[in-house]
Amino acid sequence: MKQLLILSGKGGTGKTTVASAFIALSKAEAYADCDVDAPNLHLVSHNDETYSLKGFYGLKKANIDPDKCISCGLCYTHCRFGAVIEGEKYIIDTNSCEGCAVCRLVCPVNAVTMKPNVVGDLMLYRNEKRVFSTAKLHPGNGNSGLLVSEVKKQMKDNAKKDTAFAVIDGSPGIGCPVIASLNAVDMVLIVAEPSLSGFSDMERIIKTARSFETDIMLCVNKYDINTGITEQIKQLCEKEDILFAGCIPYDSSAIYAINENKPVTDYDGKASDAIKQIYVKVFERLLDKV
């Protein structure tokens, strides 16, 4: 199964808009949303599939048994994360606890135990035709890279054996979730924005993707809001030997489509036409690769 990952570097460039359009145009049988901090692909995918949810466990959190605690203060003294709250009986602030288990190690009466901790939810939508994997990290929790890996694994494990390709909506930025998204994909489509911050973040995500030695294509969304930077992006693609897939113009019909929770390509317009042309170029290369 070939995997196409859509990234942006900067948030708000239109990555999910392009991803949802590609899913609709290709009638993808497997797709995933790896933006686990703020997933939104499900809003435009209109899933009528069977829905299942399971908890995702991160590092265990410490818990102090008040009946065993002798208030010696060793856990409070040794905790480097300020997670132990001092009082008549010491307790753990689970939001601050990093699961290092030092408190358990130093406790002389074994009052501290490490308990499982649910940090997010894995969601799976599926029917006889397609599978959609996504997740949502609970507020204040980390391990988003591990959760992204589970999203991709869940998609792959539940996809039909003869599924030709999968479309993955990646995370914004260049951090751990993006690195987990990049693992084992066949092609990356970068959706760039013609702004100073968009150009800077695009350069960083290109460098990150290059380290995985994956095929890279790039398109520019809302290219006509700053044609000067759009030209700089094209020049960079030529310099870096990156395949330029095309430009998407600003189009108010895209806003209407998003408000209606539908892919942009469901409506006629300049943006829809441009995305369809980019889609053809990207999938011809993706499915042509051995």
Protein backbone atom coordinates (compact mmCIF):
# COMPACT_ATOMS: atom_id res chain seq x y z
CA MET A 1 0.00 0.00 0.00
CA LYS A 2 1.52 3.31 -1.10
CA GLN A 3 1.23 6.10 1.46
CA LEU A 4 0.85 9.76 0.50
CA LEU A 5 1.49 12.19 3.36
CA ILE A 6 0.32 15.80 3.12
CA LEU A 7 2.31 18.29 5.22
CA SER A 8 2.58 22.04 5.56
CA GLY A 9 5.10 23.05 8.21
CA LYS A 10 3.00 26.05 9.16
CA GLY A 11 -0.54 25.54 10.39
CA GLY A 12 -3.49 26.98 8.49
CA THR A 13 -2.05 26.66 4.98
CA GLY A 14 -4.90 24.49 3.67
CA LYS A 15 -3.32 21.08 4.26
CA THR A 16 -6.55 19.42 5.41
CA THR A 17 -8.49 21.13 2.61
CA VAL A 18 -6.19 19.54 0.04
CA ALA A 19 -6.16 16.19 1.86
CA SER A 20 -9.97 15.97 1.99
CA ALA A 21 -10.17 16.86 -1.72
CA PHE A 22 -7.66 14.13 -2.60
CA ILE A 23 -9.57 11.58 -0.53
CA ALA A 24 -12.81 12.46 -2.32
CA LEU A 25 -11.27 12.53 -5.81
CA SER A 26 -9.39 9.26 -5.39
CA LYS A 27 -12.20 7.50 -3.50
CA ALA A 28 -9.48 6.44 -1.06
CA GLU A 29 -10.11 3.16 0.73
CA ALA A 30 -7.70 4.04 3.54
CA TYR A 31 -6.92 7.41 5.05
CA ALA A 32 -5.84 8.92 8.34
CA ASP A 33 -5.67 12.18 10.27
CA CYS A 34 -2.37 12.45 12.14
CA ASP A 35 -3.01 15.90 13.59
CA VAL A 36 -3.77 14.35 16.97
CA ASP A 37 -3.61 17.67 18.84
CA ALA A 38 -6.48 19.14 16.79
CA PRO A 39 -7.97 16.55 14.39
CA ASN A 40 -10.51 17.92 11.92
CA LEU A 41 -10.46 15.69 8.84
CA HIS A 42 -13.54 13.89 10.14
CA LEU A 43 -15.54 17.11 9.70
CA VAL A 44 -15.37 16.84 5.90
CA SER A 45 -15.17 13.07 5.42
CA HIS A 46 -18.87 12.38 6.16
CA ASN A 47 -18.23 8.99 7.69
CA ASP A 48 -21.13 6.57 7.71
CA GLU A 49 -18.86 3.80 8.92
CA THR A 50 -18.95 1.79 12.11
CA TYR A 51 -17.23 3.80 14.82
CA SER A 52 -14.95 2.40 17.50
CA LEU A 53 -12.90 4.10 20.21
CA LYS A 54 -10.17 2.92 22.54
CA GLY A 55 -7.90 4.66 25.01
CA PHE A 56 -4.25 5.28 24.27
CA TYR A 57 -1.94 4.82 27.24
CA GLY A 58 1.15 6.92 27.77
CA LEU A 59 3.68 6.77 30.60
CA LYS A 60 2.31 5.61 33.92
CA LYS A 61 1.62 8.23 36.60
CA ALA A 62 2.59 8.01 40.26
CA ASN A 63 -0.01 7.54 42.96
CA ILE A 64 0.54 7.77 46.72
CA ASP A 65 -1.52 5.56 49.04
CA PRO A 66 -2.49 7.85 51.96
CA ASP A 67 -2.92 4.88 54.28
CA LYS A 68 0.72 3.84 53.76
CA CYS A 69 2.29 7.31 53.52
CA ILE A 70 4.31 8.28 56.60
CA SER A 71 4.89 11.87 55.39
CA CYS A 72 8.67 11.50 55.36
CA GLY A 73 8.95 13.95 52.46
CA LEU A 74 11.50 11.97 50.44
CA CYS A 75 9.24 11.91 47.36
CA TYR A 76 8.76 15.68 47.65
CA THR A 77 12.52 16.28 47.98
CA HIS A 78 13.54 14.09 45.05
CA CYS A 79 10.83 15.01 42.52
CA ARG A 80 12.36 17.27 39.86
CA PHE A 81 9.05 18.13 38.22
CA GLY A 82 7.21 19.64 41.20
CA ALA A 83 4.59 16.91 40.95
CA VAL A 84 4.47 16.06 44.66
CA ILE A 85 2.22 18.33 46.70
CA GLU A 86 3.22 18.79 50.33
CA GLY A 87 0.64 18.40 53.06
CA GLU A 88 -0.40 16.25 55.98
CA LYS A 89 -0.30 13.43 53.45
CA TYR A 90 1.65 13.89 50.23
CA ILE A 91 -0.29 13.64 46.97
CA ILE A 92 0.64 13.64 43.27
CA ASP A 93 -0.29 16.35 40.78
CA THR A 94 -0.89 14.10 37.77
CA ASN A 95 -0.67 17.04 35.35
CA SER A 96 2.93 17.65 36.45
CA CYS A 97 4.00 14.03 36.88
CA GLU A 98 6.34 12.81 34.12
CA GLY A 99 6.21 9.16 35.16
CA CYS A 100 9.90 8.90 36.07
CA ALA A 101 9.09 6.73 39.16
CA VAL A 102 11.80 8.32 41.35
CA CYS A 103 9.22 8.80 44.09
CA ARG A 104 8.49 5.08 44.09
CA LEU A 105 12.21 4.31 44.24
CA VAL A 106 12.89 6.51 47.30
CA CYS A 107 9.72 5.71 49.26
CA PRO A 108 10.74 3.64 52.34
CA VAL A 109 7.27 2.13 52.89
CA ASN A 110 6.27 1.35 49.27
CA ALA A 111 3.39 3.82 49.39
CA VAL A 112 3.89 4.87 45.75
CA THR A 113 2.57 2.87 42.81
CA MET A 114 2.65 3.64 39.09
CA LYS A 115 -0.81 3.57 37.54
CA PRO A 116 -1.83 3.35 33.85
CA ASN A 117 -2.61 6.72 32.33
CA VAL A 118 -4.89 7.33 29.33
CA VAL A 119 -3.46 10.28 27.36
CA GLY A 120 -5.66 10.14 24.28
CA ASP A 121 -8.32 8.34 22.27
CA LEU A 122 -7.84 6.27 19.12
CA MET A 123 -10.84 6.39 16.78
CA LEU A 124 -11.53 4.09 13.84
CA TYR A 125 -14.25 4.49 11.25
CA ARG A 126 -14.75 1.60 8.85
CA ASN A 127 -17.17 -0.13 6.52
CA GLU A 128 -16.81 -2.73 3.78
CA LYS A 129 -15.30 -0.13 1.41
CA ARG A 130 -12.96 2.06 3.44
CA VAL A 131 -11.20 2.70 6.72
CA PHE A 132 -10.44 6.01 8.44
CA SER A 133 -8.05 6.19 11.39
CA THR A 134 -7.69 9.21 13.66
CA ALA A 135 -7.04 10.13 17.28
CA LYS A 136 -7.29 12.95 19.77
CA LEU A 137 -4.73 13.72 22.45
CA HIS A 138 -6.22 14.74 25.78
CA PRO A 139 -5.40 18.35 26.82
CA GLY A 140 -2.09 18.75 28.63
CA ASN A 141 -0.67 15.40 27.59
CA GLY A 142 2.43 14.53 25.57
CA ASN A 143 3.51 11.45 23.59
CA SER A 144 1.77 12.77 20.47
CA GLY A 145 4.45 11.12 18.30
CA LEU A 146 3.60 7.70 19.74
CA LEU A 147 -0.10 8.37 19.19
CA VAL A 148 0.54 9.32 15.54
CA SER A 149 2.38 6.04 15.04
CA GLU A 150 -0.61 4.18 16.47
CA VAL A 151 -2.97 6.06 14.11
CA LYS A 152 -0.95 4.93 11.10
CA LYS A 153 -0.63 1.37 12.41
CA GLN A 154 -4.38 1.20 13.03
CA MET A 155 -5.06 2.35 9.46
CA LYS A 156 -2.66 -0.18 7.96
CA ASP A 157 -3.86 -3.08 10.12
CA ASN A 158 -7.51 -2.49 9.22
CA ALA A 159 -7.15 -1.67 5.53
CA LYS A 160 -8.00 -4.34 2.99
CA LYS A 161 -5.00 -6.32 1.74
CA ASP A 162 -5.46 -5.14 -1.85
CA THR A 163 -5.68 -1.43 -0.95
CA ALA A 164 -3.49 0.40 -3.47
CA PHE A 165 -2.82 3.61 -1.55
CA ALA A 166 -3.58 5.63 1.56
CA VAL A 167 -3.87 9.39 2.07
CA ILE A 168 -2.54 10.77 5.36
CA ASP A 169 -3.28 14.26 6.65
CA GLY A 170 -0.16 15.09 8.67
CA SER A 171 0.47 17.34 11.65
CA PRO A 172 1.53 20.98 11.36
CA GLY A 173 5.04 21.96 12.43
CA ILE A 174 8.25 19.92 12.25
CA GLY A 175 8.23 18.24 15.66
CA CYS A 176 7.72 14.71 16.95
CA PRO A 177 4.21 14.17 15.43
CA VAL A 178 5.50 15.15 11.98
CA ILE A 179 8.53 12.88 12.28
CA ALA A 180 6.22 10.00 13.24
CA SER A 181 3.96 10.87 10.29
CA LEU A 182 6.92 10.76 7.88
CA ASN A 183 8.02 7.29 8.89
CA ALA A 184 7.55 4.71 6.08
CA VAL A 185 5.59 6.95 3.67
CA ASP A 186 6.23 6.82 -0.08
CA MET A 187 5.61 10.46 -0.98
CA VAL A 188 5.15 13.81 0.72
CA LEU A 189 3.08 16.64 -0.73
CA ILE A 190 3.94 19.93 0.95
CA VAL A 191 1.21 22.57 0.90
CA ALA A 192 2.98 25.92 1.10
CA GLU A 193 1.60 29.37 1.88
CA PRO A 194 3.06 32.48 0.17
CA SER A 195 3.89 34.41 3.33
CA LEU A 196 7.15 35.06 5.19
CA SER A 197 6.29 32.62 7.97
CA GLY A 198 4.93 30.12 5.43
CA PHE A 199 8.13 30.28 3.38
CA SER A 200 10.32 29.84 6.46
CA ASP A 201 8.33 26.86 7.77
CA MET A 202 8.25 25.34 4.27
CA GLU A 203 12.06 25.35 4.17
CA ARG A 204 12.18 23.61 7.54
CA ILE A 205 9.68 20.90 6.58
CA ILE A 206 11.56 20.25 3.33
CA LYS A 207 14.74 19.71 5.34
CA THR A 208 12.91 17.38 7.72
CA ALA A 209 11.31 15.37 4.89
CA ARG A 210 14.64 15.13 3.08
CA SER A 211 16.17 13.36 6.07
CA PHE A 212 13.71 10.49 5.45
CA GLU A 213 14.80 10.22 1.81
CA THR A 214 11.19 10.25 0.63
CA ASP A 215 9.88 11.65 -2.65
CA ILE A 216 8.71 15.27 -2.30
CA MET A 217 6.23 17.33 -4.31
CA LEU A 218 5.03 20.83 -3.47
CA CYS A 219 2.07 23.05 -4.25
CA VAL A 220 1.21 26.62 -3.24
CA ASN A 221 -2.21 27.43 -1.79
CA LYS A 222 -3.70 30.93 -2.19
CA TYR A 223 -0.72 31.70 -4.43
CA ASP A 224 -2.20 35.01 -5.65
CA ILE A 225 -2.21 36.69 -2.23
CA ASN A 226 1.55 37.24 -2.65
CA THR A 227 2.86 36.40 -6.12
CA GLY A 228 6.36 37.57 -5.19
CA ILE A 229 6.81 34.90 -2.52
CA THR A 230 5.11 32.36 -4.79
CA GLU A 231 7.90 32.97 -7.32
CA GLN A 232 10.49 32.51 -4.57
CA ILE A 233 8.88 29.16 -3.69
CA LYS A 234 9.06 28.05 -7.33
CA GLN A 235 12.71 29.07 -7.50
CA LEU A 236 13.47 27.14 -4.32
CA CYS A 237 11.78 24.03 -5.76
CA GLU A 238 13.96 24.31 -8.87
CA LYS A 239 17.08 24.81 -6.78
CA GLU A 240 16.28 21.90 -4.43
CA ASP A 241 15.12 19.64 -7.29
CA ILE A 242 11.61 19.36 -5.86
CA LEU A 243 8.73 18.61 -8.21
CA PHE A 244 6.37 21.58 -8.31
CA ALA A 245 2.78 20.33 -8.53
CA GLY A 246 1.01 23.65 -9.13
CA CYS A 247 -0.71 26.68 -7.64
CA ILE A 248 -4.13 27.00 -6.04
CA PRO A 249 -5.73 30.46 -6.26
CA TYR A 250 -7.69 32.15 -3.50
CA ASP A 251 -11.33 31.24 -4.03
CA SER A 252 -14.31 32.16 -1.84
CA SER A 253 -16.05 28.94 -2.88
CA ALA A 254 -13.46 27.10 -0.77
CA ILE A 255 -14.73 28.94 2.31
CA TYR A 256 -18.29 27.97 1.44
CA ALA A 257 -17.30 24.32 1.03
CA ILE A 258 -15.53 24.28 4.41
CA ASN A 259 -18.56 25.85 6.09
CA GLU A 260 -20.71 23.11 4.55
CA ASN A 261 -18.28 20.40 5.74
CA LYS A 262 -17.60 19.25 2.19
CA PRO A 263 -14.45 18.91 0.06
CA VAL A 264 -13.65 21.95 -2.08
CA THR A 265 -13.76 19.78 -5.19
CA ASP A 266 -17.50 19.19 -4.66
CA TYR A 267 -18.02 22.72 -5.99
CA ASP A 268 -17.09 24.43 -9.24
CA GLY A 269 -14.46 27.12 -8.92
CA LYS A 270 -10.88 28.13 -9.62
CA ALA A 271 -9.54 26.41 -6.49
CA SER A 272 -11.42 23.21 -7.29
CA ASP A 273 -10.02 23.12 -10.84
CA ALA A 274 -6.47 23.74 -9.61
CA ILE A 275 -6.66 21.03 -6.93
CA LYS A 276 -7.92 18.52 -9.51
CA GLN A 277 -4.93 19.25 -11.75
CA ILE A 278 -2.52 18.89 -8.81
CA TYR A 279 -4.24 15.66 -7.80
CA VAL A 280 -3.61 14.13 -11.23
CA LYS A 281 0.09 15.02 -11.13
CA VAL A 282 0.60 13.73 -7.60
CA PHE A 283 -1.21 10.42 -8.05
CA GLU A 284 0.39 9.71 -11.41
CA ARG A 285 3.77 9.91 -9.68
CA LEU A 286 2.68 8.12 -6.51
CA LEU A 287 1.16 5.11 -8.26
CA ASP A 288 3.83 5.01 -10.96
CA LYS A 289 6.59 4.51 -8.40
CA VAL A 290 7.72 0.93 -7.85
